[in-house]
Each structure stands twice: as C-alpha cells, then as structure tokens.
C-alpha cells in the first residue's frame, strides 16, 4: 500500500485506527507506536469472530 499512488494515509491516521482496535481488544499497544494482534484479532481476521459482538472497553 505504501508504494501505491492510490492509497494515501498518515501516521496519525494509522495510530488513530490502531487505538480504536485496541478498545475492541483486537490489538494490544506495546508502546512507542508498536502494536500486536490479539487472539481475538486473529480470530476476526480468519472470520471466526463477528466484530458486531464486540463491545468497546
């Protein structure tokens, strides 16, 4: 995506999206802009978890 002329994004946008995913327990913030995917995040990506059933913390 970073090499494509069709996709525009900023670090601030990515950080904001990651923070949102943290509130739904799909990512965990490790510090200094580093995030890791959670078990629930992996389940979501494989289609095993319906995100409509998640509640924000």
N, C-alpha and C. Protein backbone atom coordinates (compact mmCIF):
# COMPACT_ATOMS: atom_id res chain seq x y z
N UNK A 1 0.82 -1.19 0.00
CA UNK A 1 0.00 0.00 0.00
C UNK A 1 0.87 1.26 0.00
N UNK A 2 1.96 1.22 0.74
CA UNK A 2 2.80 2.41 0.84
C UNK A 2 3.37 2.81 -0.50
N UNK A 3 3.58 1.86 -1.39
CA UNK A 3 4.16 2.15 -2.70
C UNK A 3 3.11 2.53 -3.74
N UNK A 4 1.86 2.39 -3.42
CA UNK A 4 0.79 2.68 -4.36
C UNK A 4 0.45 4.16 -4.36
N UNK A 5 0.19 4.70 -5.54
CA UNK A 5 -0.27 6.08 -5.65
C UNK A 5 -1.74 6.21 -5.30
N UNK A 6 -2.44 5.10 -5.18
CA UNK A 6 -3.88 5.12 -4.92
C UNK A 6 -4.22 5.22 -3.45
N UNK A 7 -3.30 4.87 -2.59
CA UNK A 7 -3.59 4.84 -1.15
C UNK A 7 -2.81 5.96 -0.47
N UNK A 8 -3.54 6.79 0.22
CA UNK A 8 -2.92 7.88 0.99
C UNK A 8 -3.26 7.68 2.45
N UNK A 9 -2.26 7.73 3.29
CA UNK A 9 -2.51 7.62 4.72
C UNK A 9 -1.40 8.32 5.46
N UNK A 10 -1.66 8.65 6.69
CA UNK A 10 -0.67 9.30 7.53
C UNK A 10 -0.45 8.46 8.78
N UNK A 11 0.64 8.71 9.44
CA UNK A 11 0.92 8.00 10.69
C UNK A 11 -0.17 8.29 11.72
N UNK A 12 -0.66 9.52 11.72
CA UNK A 12 -1.71 9.90 12.66
C UNK A 12 -2.97 9.09 12.40
N UNK A 13 -3.29 8.89 11.13
CA UNK A 13 -4.49 8.11 10.77
C UNK A 13 -4.32 6.66 11.22
N UNK A 14 -3.17 6.08 10.93
CA UNK A 14 -2.92 4.69 11.33
C UNK A 14 -2.95 4.56 12.84
N UNK A 15 -2.34 5.50 13.55
CA UNK A 15 -2.34 5.45 15.01
C UNK A 15 -3.76 5.54 15.57
N UNK A 16 -4.57 6.41 14.99
CA UNK A 16 -5.96 6.55 15.45
C UNK A 16 -6.73 5.25 15.23
N UNK A 17 -6.53 4.61 14.07
CA UNK A 17 -7.22 3.34 13.78
C UNK A 17 -6.76 2.25 14.74
N UNK A 18 -5.46 2.21 15.00
CA UNK A 18 -4.94 1.19 15.93
C UNK A 18 -5.51 1.39 17.33
N UNK A 19 -5.60 2.64 17.77
CA UNK A 19 -6.18 2.92 19.09
C UNK A 19 -7.63 2.43 19.16
N UNK A 20 -8.37 2.60 18.07
CA UNK A 20 -9.74 2.10 18.03
C UNK A 20 -9.76 0.57 18.16
N UNK A 21 -8.88 -0.09 17.44
CA UNK A 21 -8.81 -1.56 17.51
C UNK A 21 -8.40 -2.04 18.90
N UNK A 22 -7.60 -1.25 19.61
CA UNK A 22 -7.24 -1.58 21.00
C UNK A 22 -8.48 -1.56 21.88
N UNK A 23 -9.37 -0.59 21.68
CA UNK A 23 -10.57 -0.51 22.52
C UNK A 23 -11.48 -1.71 22.33
N UNK A 24 -11.36 -2.38 21.19
CA UNK A 24 -12.17 -3.58 20.94
C UNK A 24 -11.38 -4.87 21.16
N UNK A 25 -10.20 -4.72 21.76
CA UNK A 25 -9.34 -5.86 22.12
C UNK A 25 -8.86 -6.66 20.91
N UNK A 26 -8.76 -6.03 19.75
CA UNK A 26 -8.24 -6.70 18.56
C UNK A 26 -6.74 -6.49 18.42
N UNK A 27 -6.23 -5.42 19.03
CA UNK A 27 -4.80 -5.14 19.11
C UNK A 27 -4.44 -4.82 20.55
N UNK A 28 -3.16 -4.95 20.86
CA UNK A 28 -2.64 -4.51 22.15
C UNK A 28 -1.50 -3.53 21.87
N UNK A 29 -1.49 -2.42 22.61
CA UNK A 29 -0.46 -1.39 22.43
C UNK A 29 0.74 -1.76 23.29
N UNK A 30 1.90 -1.92 22.65
CA UNK A 30 3.12 -2.29 23.36
C UNK A 30 3.98 -1.08 23.69
N UNK A 31 3.64 0.09 23.15
CA UNK A 31 4.40 1.31 23.41
C UNK A 31 5.17 1.76 22.19
N UNK A 32 5.50 3.04 22.15
CA UNK A 32 6.29 3.65 21.08
C UNK A 32 5.74 3.36 19.69
N UNK A 33 4.42 3.35 19.53
CA UNK A 33 3.80 3.14 18.23
C UNK A 33 3.80 1.69 17.77
N UNK A 34 4.09 0.77 18.68
CA UNK A 34 4.14 -0.65 18.33
C UNK A 34 2.88 -1.33 18.87
N UNK A 35 2.23 -2.10 17.99
CA UNK A 35 1.02 -2.83 18.35
C UNK A 35 1.21 -4.29 17.99
N UNK A 36 0.49 -5.15 18.70
CA UNK A 36 0.49 -6.58 18.40
C UNK A 36 -0.96 -7.03 18.30
N UNK A 37 -1.18 -8.01 17.47
CA UNK A 37 -2.54 -8.53 17.30
C UNK A 37 -2.85 -9.51 18.43
N UNK A 38 -4.08 -9.45 18.92
CA UNK A 38 -4.51 -10.34 19.99
C UNK A 38 -5.11 -11.62 19.42
N UNK A 39 -5.43 -12.54 20.30
CA UNK A 39 -6.09 -13.77 19.89
C UNK A 39 -7.41 -13.43 19.20
N UNK A 40 -8.15 -12.49 19.78
CA UNK A 40 -9.42 -12.07 19.18
C UNK A 40 -9.19 -11.42 17.82
N UNK A 41 -8.12 -10.65 17.68
CA UNK A 41 -7.80 -10.04 16.41
C UNK A 41 -7.53 -11.08 15.33
N UNK A 42 -6.80 -12.13 15.70
CA UNK A 42 -6.53 -13.22 14.75
C UNK A 42 -7.83 -13.94 14.38
N UNK A 43 -8.70 -14.14 15.37
CA UNK A 43 -9.98 -14.79 15.09
C UNK A 43 -10.82 -13.93 14.14
N UNK A 44 -10.80 -12.63 14.33
CA UNK A 44 -11.53 -11.73 13.44
C UNK A 44 -11.01 -11.84 12.01
N UNK A 45 -9.69 -11.84 11.86
CA UNK A 45 -9.10 -11.90 10.52
C UNK A 45 -9.41 -13.21 9.81
N UNK A 46 -9.55 -14.29 10.56
CA UNK A 46 -9.84 -15.59 9.93
C UNK A 46 -11.34 -15.83 9.77
N UNK A 47 -12.16 -14.87 10.22
CA UNK A 47 -13.61 -15.00 10.07
C UNK A 47 -14.27 -15.80 11.18
N UNK A 48 -13.53 -16.10 12.24
CA UNK A 48 -14.07 -16.88 13.35
C UNK A 48 -14.78 -16.00 14.39
N UNK A 49 -14.60 -14.68 14.29
CA UNK A 49 -15.16 -13.77 15.27
C UNK A 49 -15.95 -12.69 14.53
N UNK A 50 -17.18 -12.49 14.94
CA UNK A 50 -18.03 -11.46 14.37
C UNK A 50 -17.82 -10.18 15.19
N UNK A 51 -17.26 -9.16 14.56
CA UNK A 51 -16.95 -7.92 15.26
C UNK A 51 -18.20 -7.21 15.79
N UNK A 52 -19.36 -7.54 15.27
CA UNK A 52 -20.60 -6.93 15.78
C UNK A 52 -20.87 -7.34 17.21
N UNK A 53 -20.25 -8.42 17.65
CA UNK A 53 -20.46 -8.91 19.01
C UNK A 53 -19.48 -8.31 20.01
N UNK A 54 -18.56 -7.48 19.54
CA UNK A 54 -17.55 -6.88 20.41
C UNK A 54 -18.06 -5.58 21.00
N UNK A 55 -17.70 -5.32 22.23
CA UNK A 55 -18.01 -4.06 22.87
C UNK A 55 -16.73 -3.34 23.20
N UNK A 56 -16.75 -2.03 23.09
CA UNK A 56 -15.55 -1.24 23.42
C UNK A 56 -15.34 -1.24 24.92
N UNK A 57 -14.08 -1.19 25.30
CA UNK A 57 -13.74 -1.13 26.73
C UNK A 57 -13.87 0.28 27.24
